[in-house]
Structures are given as C-alpha cells and as structure tokens.
Amino acid sequence: MKGKLLLEKQDFSRPFVGINALIFKRDGKGKEYVLLGKRKNVFGAGHWHTPGGHLKIDETFEEGLKREVFEETGLRVKKGRLLWVEENFLNTHHVVLYFEAILDPPDQTPKNLEPEKCYGWRWFSLDNLPSPLLTLQDFFKQYKNKTRIENFGKASRDFIGVGVAAVIMDEEGRVLMQKRGGKASNEVGKWKFPGGRIEYREKAEDALKREMKEELGVEVEIEKFLFNLENYIPEEGEYWFVPVYLCRIKKGRVRNMEPEKCEEIAWFDIESLPENVAHGTREIVAHVKRLLKKDSKF
C-alpha cells in the first residue's frame, strides 16, 4: 500500500530509511544559511536538525522529500543533489539520505506545522550553527570546507583535480625534488617537484606556500609563475590542472615533514635528473630551461 510508513510495521529486523532535506539560502552578500528546527517530544528532543522523516513504501526519494518538507514547514521544494548518507544506531538502525532541497519558488517563509514535534524553524549561518546538533556535525564541517564531495567522488578521477607545484632552485641552480612514498596518493616511487592540492577558496600562491611549509618545513618566495600544467596520468586514470611556480627558499631548512608520503628529498642538477620521474616533470623542466636561456640572471 502506497503511503504506509515503514515505521508503522515495527519491523526492527531491517533498518529504516530516512530522507532529510538540507535547505540553503544566501543573502545579498553571498553568505549561506541553512534551515534547522529544534526537536520537541520526539527522539533527539532539544537538538537541532533538518526537516525530514521516514520514506513511505512505493514513494520515490523526491516524493518523500517534498512531502516531509511540506508537512513540517509548509515549504515547497524540488530535489537537488545528494549531499550526505548517514548510518546511525541512535535509537533504531537508520540509513538516512540527505538531499539538497531547493525552494521553489525561492521567496518562501517556513512555518511550524507540527508544533507538537518542533519548537520552530530558523535560518542559521554556516559560521554560527546552533548547539546541540542531533547529527551532521561532520557534514557541516566538510560542506563548509568543500571536502564533502570526497565522499562521492575523487579529485582527478571523477572530476578534474586542481593542484600547485613549486620548482625550488638554490644558488647553484639545482632543483629540489621529492621521491613519492608508500602512502602518497599516486605515482609511488617516482620523483616529482613538491606541491599539492589547492583547497577550496584558497589562492594558488597561498596554497603553494602552505604546501611548502607542510611538506618541507620552509617558507618560500615566489619568483615567477611558469605555466599551467595539464597533467594526465594514464596509468592511474588521473587528470590534474597544476599552476607551476619558480621559487626560492626564504626561511628555514629543508626537512622531510611527511615521511609516510615522501621517501626521500634531494637536490638535482637540472641537466641530471633521476630517470624515474613523475608525469609532467619533464614538461616542467623544459619550461625552466627555456626561462634560464632567456634570463641568465635567474
């Protein structure tokens, strides 16, 4: 029978399926808010949580999402992205799907249509979430930092990875390279220029300086932007877009700060690189050589 709640069966031999709505809005300055309600006389009373409930038999995710949101808040929404999957044993065994729910139309005001279960609905800035939250602490942290997507895809494989790389030269014209360690994310055992991923809302040059501090324990001065490396690694099915910079050490002594990811660090003459280099390395070296040919002062 369509419309009968799974919970009404009281069949605790199987997990219940929950469907919850993450409803976001932005103000005129781009600040993001999420809709939360404080639970009352139900499991998790006194905690803040999203609109949602149990999926009914023969009900699609979108149908369940729209129904629950409308029953609790009077808001009309359409289903957006799947943002989070949660398995919990807080009361009974639940598998809960959290979807982005988009206000349709956008200019709506939530109402408390189930006052026996909820004290009321409020918009909260992601920078000032209420406490206590029933769950979702990890979600909001990852969502704000844009690392949540790693739960559903991998950078460089499911979508283009964006990184940054440094060609660090010393006074003798040698370049600093790292040999990838056993726990490196790719190209284990190969030599490469130091670098890493650009984090969300981080400028490329800031990412470069952060990575050099984390990997090598040094502060670097960026001398020149070289080029954007489009780096495809066919053996691992990865694709990276990498701004490459020429740098010099400004402060500190080079140390291996991540020995689990880096087996060895060494200086090499640019004409005598090791044979086993990572993809993109020789292309970077070619750009450096062209620069040196044009500008002997560097």
C-alpha atoms as a PDB file:
ATOM      1  CA  MET A   1       0.000   0.000   0.000  1.00  0.00           C
ATOM      2  CA  LYS A   2       1.495   3.300  -1.077  1.00  0.00           C
ATOM      3  CA  GLY A   3       1.656   5.804   1.736  1.00  0.00           C
ATOM      4  CA  LYS A   4       2.055   3.428   4.676  1.00  0.00           C
ATOM      5  CA  LEU A   5       5.042   4.269   6.846  1.00  0.00           C
ATOM      6  CA  LEU A   6       7.732   1.655   7.224  1.00  0.00           C
ATOM      7  CA  LEU A   7       7.913   2.581  10.900  1.00  0.00           C
ATOM      8  CA  GLU A   8       4.304   1.555  11.450  1.00  0.00           C
ATOM      9  CA  LYS A   9       5.233  -2.065  10.750  1.00  0.00           C
ATOM     10  CA  GLN A  10       7.585  -2.061  13.745  1.00  0.00           C
ATOM     11  CA  ASP A  11       9.803  -4.485  11.846  1.00  0.00           C
ATOM     12  CA  PHE A  12      13.104  -3.936  13.617  1.00  0.00           C
ATOM     13  CA  SER A  13      14.793  -6.765  11.703  1.00  0.00           C
ATOM     14  CA  ARG A  14      15.621  -4.273   8.959  1.00  0.00           C
ATOM     15  CA  PRO A  15      16.928  -0.699   9.044  1.00  0.00           C
ATOM     16  CA  PHE A  16      14.541   2.188   8.480  1.00  0.00           C
ATOM     17  CA  VAL A  17      15.130   4.528   5.547  1.00  0.00           C
ATOM     18  CA  GLY A  18      15.085   8.230   6.340  1.00  0.00           C
ATOM     19  CA  ILE A  19      15.051  11.126   3.923  1.00  0.00           C
ATOM     20  CA  ASN A  20      16.056  14.584   5.125  1.00  0.00           C
ATOM     21  CA  ALA A  21      16.266  17.997   3.479  1.00  0.00           C
ATOM     22  CA  LEU A  22      19.172  20.415   3.600  1.00  0.00           C
ATOM     23  CA  ILE A  23      17.617  23.736   2.608  1.00  0.00           C
ATOM     24  CA  PHE A  24      20.098  26.539   1.968  1.00  0.00           C
ATOM     25  CA  LYS A  25      19.716  30.188   1.066  1.00  0.00           C
ATOM     26  CA  ARG A  26      22.093  33.101   0.563  1.00  0.00           C
ATOM     27  CA  ASP A  27      21.778  36.746   1.485  1.00  0.00           C
ATOM     28  CA  GLY A  28      22.701  39.652  -0.770  1.00  0.00           C
ATOM     29  CA  LYS A  29      26.363  39.365   0.236  1.00  0.00           C
ATOM     30  CA  GLY A  30      26.593  35.667  -0.607  1.00  0.00           C
ATOM     31  CA  LYS A  31      26.519  34.454   2.994  1.00  0.00           C
ATOM     32  CA  GLU A  32      24.980  30.990   3.214  1.00  0.00           C
ATOM     33  CA  TYR A  33      22.295  29.886   5.686  1.00  0.00           C
ATOM     34  CA  VAL A  34      20.663  26.531   6.447  1.00  0.00           C
ATOM     35  CA  LEU A  35      17.174  25.828   7.827  1.00  0.00           C
ATOM     36  CA  LEU A  36      17.085  23.924  11.144  1.00  0.00           C
ATOM     37  CA  GLY A  37      14.365  23.114  13.647  1.00  0.00           C
ATOM     38  CA  LYS A  38      14.569  22.310  17.367  1.00  0.00           C
ATOM     39  CA  ARG A  39      13.018  18.912  18.069  1.00  0.00           C
ATOM     40  CA  LYS A  40      10.295  18.505  20.691  1.00  0.00           C
ATOM     41  CA  ASN A  41       8.672  15.398  22.294  1.00  0.00           C
ATOM     42  CA  VAL A  42      10.419  13.080  19.815  1.00  0.00           C
ATOM     43  CA  PHE A  43      13.751  11.296  19.702  1.00  0.00           C
ATOM     44  CA  GLY A  44      16.518  13.891  19.916  1.00  0.00           C
ATOM     45  CA  ALA A  45      14.325  16.399  21.755  1.00  0.00           C
ATOM     46  CA  GLY A  46      16.162  19.635  22.409  1.00  0.00           C
ATOM     47  CA  HIS A  47      18.527  19.088  19.479  1.00  0.00           C
ATOM     48  CA  TRP A  48      18.564  20.985  16.191  1.00  0.00           C
ATOM     49  CA  HIS A  49      18.023  19.068  12.982  1.00  0.00           C
ATOM     50  CA  THR A  50      16.839  19.290   9.388  1.00  0.00           C
ATOM     51  CA  PRO A  51      13.303  18.713   8.053  1.00  0.00           C
ATOM     52  CA  GLY A  52      12.684  15.083   7.158  1.00  0.00           C
ATOM     53  CA  GLY A  53      11.335  11.723   8.166  1.00  0.00           C
ATOM     54  CA  HIS A  54      10.772   8.163   7.018  1.00  0.00           C
ATOM     55  CA  LEU A  55      10.341   7.176   3.411  1.00  0.00           C
ATOM     56  CA  LYS A  56       6.998   5.516   2.694  1.00  0.00           C
ATOM     57  CA  ILE A  57       6.505   2.314   0.737  1.00  0.00           C
ATOM     58  CA  ASP A  58       6.457   2.894  -3.046  1.00  0.00           C
ATOM     59  CA  GLU A  59       7.471   6.516  -2.553  1.00  0.00           C
ATOM     60  CA  THR A  60      10.347   7.959  -4.570  1.00  0.00           C
ATOM     61  CA  PHE A  61      13.094   9.978  -2.904  1.00  0.00           C
ATOM     62  CA  GLU A  62      11.743  13.160  -4.462  1.00  0.00           C
ATOM     63  CA  GLU A  63       8.170  12.436  -3.408  1.00  0.00           C
ATOM     64  CA  GLY A  64       9.250  11.690   0.154  1.00  0.00           C
ATOM     65  CA  LEU A  65      11.440  14.765   0.336  1.00  0.00           C
ATOM     66  CA  LYS A  66       8.715  17.097  -0.906  1.00  0.00           C
ATOM     67  CA  ARG A  67       6.090  15.543   1.386  1.00  0.00           C
ATOM     68  CA  GLU A  68       8.171  15.706   4.558  1.00  0.00           C
ATOM     69  CA  VAL A  69       9.302  19.275   3.977  1.00  0.00           C
ATOM     70  CA  PHE A  70       5.770  20.467   3.203  1.00  0.00           C
ATOM     71  CA  GLU A  71       4.208  18.630   6.166  1.00  0.00           C
ATOM     72  CA  GLU A  72       6.708  20.114   8.628  1.00  0.00           C
ATOM     73  CA  THR A  73       7.409  23.592   7.237  1.00  0.00           C
ATOM     74  CA  GLY A  74       4.822  24.380   4.546  1.00  0.00           C
ATOM     75  CA  LEU A  75       7.676  24.974   2.102  1.00  0.00           C
ATOM     76  CA  ARG A  76       7.542  23.740  -1.470  1.00  0.00           C
ATOM     77  CA  VAL A  77      10.850  22.385  -2.731  1.00  0.00           C
ATOM     78  CA  LYS A  78      12.425  20.428  -5.543  1.00  0.00           C
ATOM     79  CA  LYS A  79      15.086  17.785  -5.064  1.00  0.00           C
ATOM     80  CA  GLY A  80      18.686  18.802  -5.636  1.00  0.00           C
ATOM     81  CA  ARG A  81      21.946  16.942  -5.126  1.00  0.00           C
ATOM     82  CA  LEU A  82      22.508  14.024  -2.783  1.00  0.00           C
ATOM     83  CA  LEU A  83      24.768  15.604  -0.158  1.00  0.00           C
ATOM     84  CA  TRP A  84      25.217  13.050   2.610  1.00  0.00           C
ATOM     85  CA  VAL A  85      24.472   9.452   3.539  1.00  0.00           C
ATOM     86  CA  GLU A  86      24.336   8.616   7.227  1.00  0.00           C
ATOM     87  CA  GLU A  87      24.014   5.315   9.028  1.00  0.00           C
ATOM     88  CA  ASN A  88      23.151   5.636  12.702  1.00  0.00           C
ATOM     89  CA  PHE A  89      22.066   3.491  15.625  1.00  0.00           C
ATOM     90  CA  LEU A  90      20.964   6.315  17.909  1.00  0.00           C
ATOM     91  CA  ASN A  91      17.529   4.823  18.536  1.00  0.00           C
ATOM     92  CA  THR A  92      16.900   2.155  15.934  1.00  0.00           C
ATOM     93  CA  HIS A  93      19.022   1.323  12.915  1.00  0.00           C
ATOM     94  CA  HIS A  94      18.545   4.062  10.294  1.00  0.00           C
ATOM     95  CA  VAL A  95      20.045   4.736   6.901  1.00  0.00           C
ATOM     96  CA  VAL A  96      19.373   8.416   6.190  1.00  0.00           C
ATOM     97  CA  LEU A  97      19.752  10.202   2.853  1.00  0.00           C
ATOM     98  CA  TYR A  98      20.276  13.954   2.968  1.00  0.00           C
ATOM     99  CA  PHE A  99      19.310  15.797  -0.201  1.00  0.00           C
ATOM    100  CA  GLU A 100      19.709  19.417  -1.086  1.00  0.00           C
ATOM    101  CA  ALA A 101      16.148  20.791  -1.224  1.00  0.00           C
ATOM    102  CA  ILE A 102      15.740  23.887  -3.386  1.00  0.00           C
ATOM    103  CA  LEU A 103      12.978  26.352  -2.533  1.00  0.00           C
ATOM    104  CA  ASP A 104      10.519  26.514  -5.425  1.00  0.00           C
ATOM    105  CA  PRO A 105       9.563  29.352  -5.586  1.00  0.00           C
ATOM    106  CA  PRO A 106      12.591  30.832  -3.779  1.00  0.00           C
ATOM    107  CA  ASP A 107      10.774  33.515  -1.752  1.00  0.00           C
ATOM    108  CA  GLN A 108       9.068  31.433   0.962  1.00  0.00           C
ATOM    109  CA  THR A 109       8.911  31.585   4.751  1.00  0.00           C
ATOM    110  CA  PRO A 110       8.909  28.389   6.844  1.00  0.00           C
ATOM    111  CA  LYS A 111       6.030  27.695   9.238  1.00  0.00           C
ATOM    112  CA  ASN A 112       5.953  25.359  12.220  1.00  0.00           C
ATOM    113  CA  LEU A 113       3.186  22.980  11.116  1.00  0.00           C
ATOM    114  CA  GLU A 114       3.973  20.281  13.682  1.00  0.00           C
ATOM    115  CA  PRO A 115       4.292  22.233  16.958  1.00  0.00           C
ATOM    116  CA  GLU A 116       3.937  19.041  18.969  1.00  0.00           C
ATOM    117  CA  LYS A 117       7.228  17.809  17.431  1.00  0.00           C
ATOM    118  CA  CYS A 118       9.155  21.044  16.833  1.00  0.00           C
ATOM    119  CA  TYR A 119       9.726  24.286  18.731  1.00  0.00           C
ATOM    120  CA  GLY A 120      10.186  26.183  15.472  1.00  0.00           C
ATOM    121  CA  TRP A 121      12.286  26.675  12.340  1.00  0.00           C
ATOM    122  CA  ARG A 122      15.133  29.151  11.984  1.00  0.00           C
ATOM    123  CA  TRP A 123      17.785  30.081   9.427  1.00  0.00           C
ATOM    124  CA  PHE A 124      21.366  29.739  10.714  1.00  0.00           C
ATOM    125  CA  SER A 125      24.584  30.960   9.170  1.00  0.00           C
ATOM    126  CA  LEU A 126      27.054  28.162   8.475  1.00  0.00           C
ATOM    127  CA  ASP A 127      29.513  30.209  10.535  1.00  0.00           C
ATOM    128  CA  ASN A 128      27.195  30.226  13.557  1.00  0.00           C
ATOM    129  CA  LEU A 129      25.340  26.908  13.793  1.00  0.00           C
ATOM    130  CA  PRO A 130      23.255  26.166  16.906  1.00  0.00           C
ATOM    131  CA  SER A 131      24.100  23.648  19.562  1.00  0.00           C
ATOM    132  CA  PRO A 132      23.444  20.874  20.147  1.00  0.00           C
ATOM    133  CA  LEU A 133      23.012  19.363  16.692  1.00  0.00           C
ATOM    134  CA  LEU A 134      21.411  15.923  16.585  1.00  0.00           C
ATOM    135  CA  THR A 135      23.891  14.705  13.966  1.00  0.00           C
ATOM    136  CA  LEU A 136      25.538  16.305  10.924  1.00  0.00           C
ATOM    137  CA  GLN A 137      28.456  17.905  12.763  1.00  0.00           C
ATOM    138  CA  ASP A 138      30.856  16.201  10.347  1.00  0.00           C
ATOM    139  CA  PHE A 139      28.694  17.085   7.360  1.00  0.00           C
ATOM    140  CA  PHE A 140      28.631  20.810   8.083  1.00  0.00           C
ATOM    141  CA  LYS A 141      32.379  20.862   8.663  1.00  0.00           C
ATOM    142  CA  GLN A 142      33.027  19.108   5.356  1.00  0.00           C
ATOM    143  CA  TYR A 143      30.379  21.085   3.480  1.00  0.00           C
ATOM    144  CA  LYS A 144      31.809  24.396   4.618  1.00  0.00           C
ATOM    145  CA  ASN A 145      35.350  23.349   3.654  1.00  0.00           C
ATOM    146  CA  LYS A 146      34.107  21.759   0.403  1.00  0.00           C
ATOM    147  CA  THR A 147      35.681  18.401   1.295  1.00  0.00           C
ATOM    148  CA  ARG A 148      32.267  16.723   1.412  1.00  0.00           C
ATOM    149  CA  ILE A 149      32.489  15.894  -2.276  1.00  0.00           C
ATOM    150  CA  GLU A 150      35.290  13.416  -1.477  1.00  0.00           C
ATOM    151  CA  ASN A 151      32.599  11.125  -0.071  1.00  0.00           C
ATOM    152  CA  PHE A 152      31.057  10.776  -3.535  1.00  0.00           C
ATOM    153  CA  GLY A 153      33.971  11.261  -5.882  1.00  0.00           C
ATOM    154  CA  LYS A 154      37.738  11.539  -6.074  1.00  0.00           C
ATOM    155  CA  ALA A 155      39.576  14.611  -7.288  1.00  0.00           C
ATOM    156  CA  SER A 156      41.474  13.942 -10.534  1.00  0.00           C
ATOM    157  CA  ARG A 157      39.374  10.848 -11.331  1.00  0.00           C
ATOM    158  CA  ASP A 158      35.691  11.739 -11.025  1.00  0.00           C
ATOM    159  CA  PHE A 159      36.386  15.435 -11.610  1.00  0.00           C
ATOM    160  CA  ILE A 160      39.478  17.450 -12.520  1.00  0.00           C
ATOM    161  CA  GLY A 161      41.930  17.818  -9.666  1.00  0.00           C
ATOM    162  CA  VAL A 162      43.482  21.258  -9.130  1.00  0.00           C
ATOM    163  CA  GLY A 163      46.909  21.396  -7.574  1.00  0.00           C
ATOM    164  CA  VAL A 164      50.015  23.561  -7.424  1.00  0.00           C
ATOM    165  CA  ALA A 165      53.735  22.797  -7.852  1.00  0.00           C
ATOM    166  CA  ALA A 166      56.979  24.534  -6.939  1.00  0.00           C
ATOM    167  CA  VAL A 167      60.304  24.490  -8.753  1.00  0.00           C
ATOM    168  CA  ILE A 168      62.650  25.475  -5.930  1.00  0.00           C
ATOM    169  CA  MET A 169      66.150  26.440  -7.067  1.00  0.00           C
ATOM    170  CA  ASP A 170      69.226  27.026  -4.936  1.00  0.00           C
ATOM    171  CA  GLU A 171      72.205  29.338  -5.574  1.00  0.00           C
ATOM    172  CA  GLU A 172      73.940  26.609  -7.591  1.00  0.00           C
ATOM    173  CA  GLY A 173      70.991  26.289  -9.947  1.00  0.00           C
ATOM    174  CA  ARG A 174      69.901  22.907  -8.600  1.00  0.00           C
ATOM    175  CA  VAL A 175      66.238  21.983  -8.211  1.00  0.00           C
ATOM    176  CA  LEU A 176      64.621  20.294  -5.231  1.00  0.00           C
ATOM    177  CA  MET A 177      62.667  17.074  -5.825  1.00  0.00           C
ATOM    178  CA  GLN A 178      60.783  14.526  -3.726  1.00  0.00           C
ATOM    179  CA  LYS A 179      60.556  10.752  -4.148  1.00  0.00           C
ATOM    180  CA  ARG A 180      56.961   9.635  -3.570  1.00  0.00           C
ATOM    181  CA  GLY A 181      56.494   7.398  -0.520  1.00  0.00           C
ATOM    182  CA  GLY A 182      54.289   4.374   0.120  1.00  0.00           C
ATOM    183  CA  LYS A 183      51.294   6.406   1.312  1.00  0.00           C
ATOM    184  CA  ALA A 184      51.422   9.007  -1.453  1.00  0.00           C
ATOM    185  CA  SER A 185      48.124   9.394  -3.315  1.00  0.00           C
ATOM    186  CA  ASN A 186      49.674   8.483  -6.671  1.00  0.00           C
ATOM    187  CA  GLU A 187      52.895   7.709  -8.581  1.00  0.00           C
ATOM    188  CA  VAL A 188      54.559   5.930  -5.647  1.00  0.00           C
ATOM    189  CA  GLY A 189      58.338   5.632  -6.029  1.00  0.00           C
ATOM    190  CA  LYS A 190      58.658   8.420  -8.609  1.00  0.00           C
ATOM    191  CA  TRP A 191      60.480  11.726  -8.293  1.00  0.00           C
ATOM    192  CA  LYS A 192      58.452  14.931  -8.567  1.00  0.00           C
ATOM    193  CA  PHE A 193      58.520  18.611  -7.744  1.00  0.00           C
ATOM    194  CA  PRO A 194      56.926  19.468  -4.369  1.00  0.00           C
ATOM    195  CA  GLY A 195      53.328  20.603  -4.314  1.00  0.00           C
ATOM    196  CA  GLY A 196      49.795  19.559  -3.507  1.00  0.00           C
ATOM    197  CA  ARG A 197      46.123  20.352  -3.834  1.00  0.00           C
ATOM    198  CA  ILE A 198      44.584  23.797  -3.763  1.00  0.00           C
ATOM    199  CA  GLU A 199      41.911  23.899  -1.082  1.00  0.00           C
ATOM    200  CA  TYR A 200      38.509  25.494  -1.565  1.00  0.00           C
ATOM    201  CA  ARG A 201      38.637  29.317  -1.500  1.00  0.00           C
ATOM    202  CA  GLU A 202      42.441  29.207  -1.375  1.00  0.00           C
ATOM    203  CA  LYS A 203      44.511  31.196  -3.843  1.00  0.00           C
ATOM    204  CA  ALA A 204      47.105  29.242  -5.795  1.00  0.00           C
ATOM    205  CA  GLU A 205      50.070  31.156  -4.348  1.00  0.00           C
ATOM    206  CA  ASP A 206      48.737  30.743  -0.809  1.00  0.00           C
ATOM    207  CA  ALA A 207      48.317  27.014  -1.422  1.00  0.00           C
ATOM    208  CA  LEU A 208      51.899  26.779  -2.678  1.00  0.00           C
ATOM    209  CA  LYS A 209      53.288  28.478   0.413  1.00  0.00           C
ATOM    210  CA  ARG A 210      51.157  26.296   2.698  1.00  0.00           C
ATOM    211  CA  GLU A 211      52.244  23.097   0.976  1.00  0.00           C
ATOM    212  CA  MET A 212      55.942  24.013   1.206  1.00  0.00           C
ATOM    213  CA  LYS A 213      55.536  24.624   4.921  1.00  0.00           C
ATOM    214  CA  GLU A 214      53.675  21.344   5.429  1.00  0.00           C
ATOM    215  CA  GLU A 215      55.926  19.178   3.244  1.00  0.00           C
ATOM    216  CA  LEU A 216      59.366  20.776   3.627  1.00  0.00           C
ATOM    217  CA  GLY A 217      59.177  22.993   6.722  1.00  0.00           C
ATOM    218  CA  VAL A 218      60.269  26.089   4.797  1.00  0.00           C
ATOM    219  CA  GLU A 219      58.885  29.447   3.742  1.00  0.00           C
ATOM    220  CA  VAL A 220      59.332  30.183   0.062  1.00  0.00           C
ATOM    221  CA  GLU A 221      59.407  33.335  -2.011  1.00  0.00           C
ATOM    222  CA  ILE A 222      57.649  33.040  -5.350  1.00  0.00           C
ATOM    223  CA  GLU A 223      59.882  34.401  -8.093  1.00  0.00           C
ATOM    224  CA  LYS A 224      57.792  33.753 -11.183  1.00  0.00           C
ATOM    225  CA  PHE A 225      54.705  31.993 -12.479  1.00  0.00           C
ATOM    226  CA  LEU A 226      55.825  29.465 -15.080  1.00  0.00           C
ATOM    227  CA  PHE A 227      52.768  27.930 -16.733  1.00  0.00           C
ATOM    228  CA  ASN A 228      49.672  25.803 -16.139  1.00  0.00           C
ATOM    229  CA  LEU A 229      50.492  22.111 -16.400  1.00  0.00           C
ATOM    230  CA  GLU A 230      47.713  19.901 -17.756  1.00  0.00           C
ATOM    231  CA  ASN A 231      48.860  16.624 -16.282  1.00  0.00           C
ATOM    232  CA  TYR A 232      47.238  13.348 -17.339  1.00  0.00           C
ATOM    233  CA  ILE A 233      48.464  10.200 -15.567  1.00  0.00           C
ATOM    234  CA  PRO A 234      47.167   7.348 -17.763  1.00  0.00           C
ATOM    235  CA  GLU A 235      48.357   4.508 -15.524  1.00  0.00           C
ATOM    236  CA  GLU A 236      46.187   5.795 -12.692  1.00  0.00           C
ATOM    237  CA  GLY A 237      43.407   7.422 -14.703  1.00  0.00           C
ATOM    238  CA  GLU A 238      44.009  10.826 -13.127  1.00  0.00           C
ATOM    239  CA  TYR A 239      43.891  14.326 -14.585  1.00  0.00           C
ATOM    240  CA  TRP A 240      45.319  17.354 -12.812  1.00  0.00           C
ATOM    241  CA  PHE A 241      45.430  21.061 -13.645  1.00  0.00           C
ATOM    242  CA  VAL A 242      48.525  22.473 -11.931  1.00  0.00           C
ATOM    243  CA  PRO A 243      49.864  26.060 -11.855  1.00  0.00           C
ATOM    244  CA  VAL A 244      53.667  25.838 -11.601  1.00  0.00           C
ATOM    245  CA  TYR A 245      55.856  28.479  -9.944  1.00  0.00           C
ATOM    246  CA  LEU A 246      59.578  29.121  -9.676  1.00  0.00           C
ATOM    247  CA  CYS A 247      60.566  29.703  -6.042  1.00  0.00           C
ATOM    248  CA  ARG A 248      63.469  30.217  -3.691  1.00  0.00           C
ATOM    249  CA  ILE A 249      63.685  29.341  -0.008  1.00  0.00           C
ATOM    250  CA  LYS A 250      63.084  32.434   2.094  1.00  0.00           C
ATOM    251  CA  LYS A 251      63.334  30.936   5.568  1.00  0.00           C
ATOM    252  CA  GLY A 252      64.011  27.541   7.120  1.00  0.00           C
ATOM    253  CA  ARG A 253      65.938  24.356   6.438  1.00  0.00           C
ATOM    254  CA  VAL A 254      64.530  21.678   4.147  1.00  0.00           C
ATOM    255  CA  ARG A 255      63.207  18.700   6.112  1.00  0.00           C
ATOM    256  CA  ASN A 256      61.001  15.753   5.249  1.00  0.00           C
ATOM    257  CA  MET A 257      57.856  16.699   7.161  1.00  0.00           C
ATOM    258  CA  GLU A 258      55.723  13.892   5.688  1.00  0.00           C
ATOM    259  CA  PRO A 259      57.919  10.754   5.671  1.00  0.00           C
ATOM    260  CA  GLU A 260      54.920   8.467   5.112  1.00  0.00           C
ATOM    261  CA  LYS A 261      54.238  10.238   1.798  1.00  0.00           C
ATOM    262  CA  CYS A 262      57.794  11.154   0.839  1.00  0.00           C
ATOM    263  CA  GLU A 263      60.587   8.588   0.798  1.00  0.00           C
ATOM    264  CA  GLU A 264      63.444  10.980   0.044  1.00  0.00           C
ATOM    265  CA  ILE A 265      64.265  14.629  -0.729  1.00  0.00           C
ATOM    266  CA  ALA A 266      67.258  15.632  -2.856  1.00  0.00           C
ATOM    267  CA  TRP A 267      68.757  18.442  -4.930  1.00  0.00           C
ATOM    268  CA  PHE A 268      69.499  17.718  -8.603  1.00  0.00           C
ATOM    269  CA  ASP A 269      71.278  19.493 -11.383  1.00  0.00           C
ATOM    270  CA  ILE A 270      68.602  20.387 -13.894  1.00  0.00           C
ATOM    271  CA  GLU A 271      70.581  18.525 -16.568  1.00  0.00           C
ATOM    272  CA  SER A 272      70.933  15.365 -14.456  1.00  0.00           C
ATOM    273  CA  LEU A 273      67.510  14.408 -13.160  1.00  0.00           C
ATOM    274  CA  PRO A 274      66.761  10.891 -11.936  1.00  0.00           C
ATOM    275  CA  GLU A 275      65.304   8.531 -14.531  1.00  0.00           C
ATOM    276  CA  ASN A 276      62.182   7.618 -12.599  1.00  0.00           C
ATOM    277  CA  VAL A 277      60.287  10.918 -12.655  1.00  0.00           C
ATOM    278  CA  ALA A 278      56.563  11.547 -12.313  1.00  0.00           C
ATOM    279  CA  HIS A 279      54.322  12.558 -15.195  1.00  0.00           C
ATOM    280  CA  GLY A 280      54.620  16.216 -16.101  1.00  0.00           C
ATOM    281  CA  THR A 281      58.096  16.576 -14.584  1.00  0.00           C
ATOM    282  CA  ARG A 282      59.985  16.790 -17.873  1.00  0.00           C
ATOM    283  CA  GLU A 283      57.486  19.299 -19.238  1.00  0.00           C
ATOM    284  CA  ILE A 284      58.110  21.486 -16.179  1.00  0.00           C
ATOM    285  CA  VAL A 285      61.878  21.171 -16.635  1.00  0.00           C
ATOM    286  CA  ALA A 286      61.571  22.198 -20.279  1.00  0.00           C
ATOM    287  CA  HIS A 287      59.839  25.418 -19.228  1.00  0.00           C
ATOM    288  CA  VAL A 288      62.555  26.117 -16.645  1.00  0.00           C
ATOM    289  CA  LYS A 289      65.299  25.607 -19.217  1.00  0.00           C
ATOM    290  CA  ARG A 290      63.618  27.976 -21.657  1.00  0.00           C
ATOM    291  CA  LEU A 291      63.368  30.588 -18.914  1.00  0.00           C
ATOM    292  CA  LEU A 292      67.032  30.193 -17.987  1.00  0.00           C
ATOM    293  CA  LYS A 293      68.019  30.576 -21.622  1.00  0.00           C
ATOM    294  CA  LYS A 294      66.093  33.831 -21.878  1.00  0.00           C
ATOM    295  CA  ASP A 295      67.077  35.202 -18.473  1.00  0.00           C
ATOM    296  CA  SER A 296      70.579  34.241 -17.374  1.00  0.00           C
ATOM    297  CA  LYS A 297      70.201  36.296 -14.192  1.00  0.00           C
ATOM    298  CA  PHE A 298      67.673  33.915 -12.724  1.00  0.00           C
END
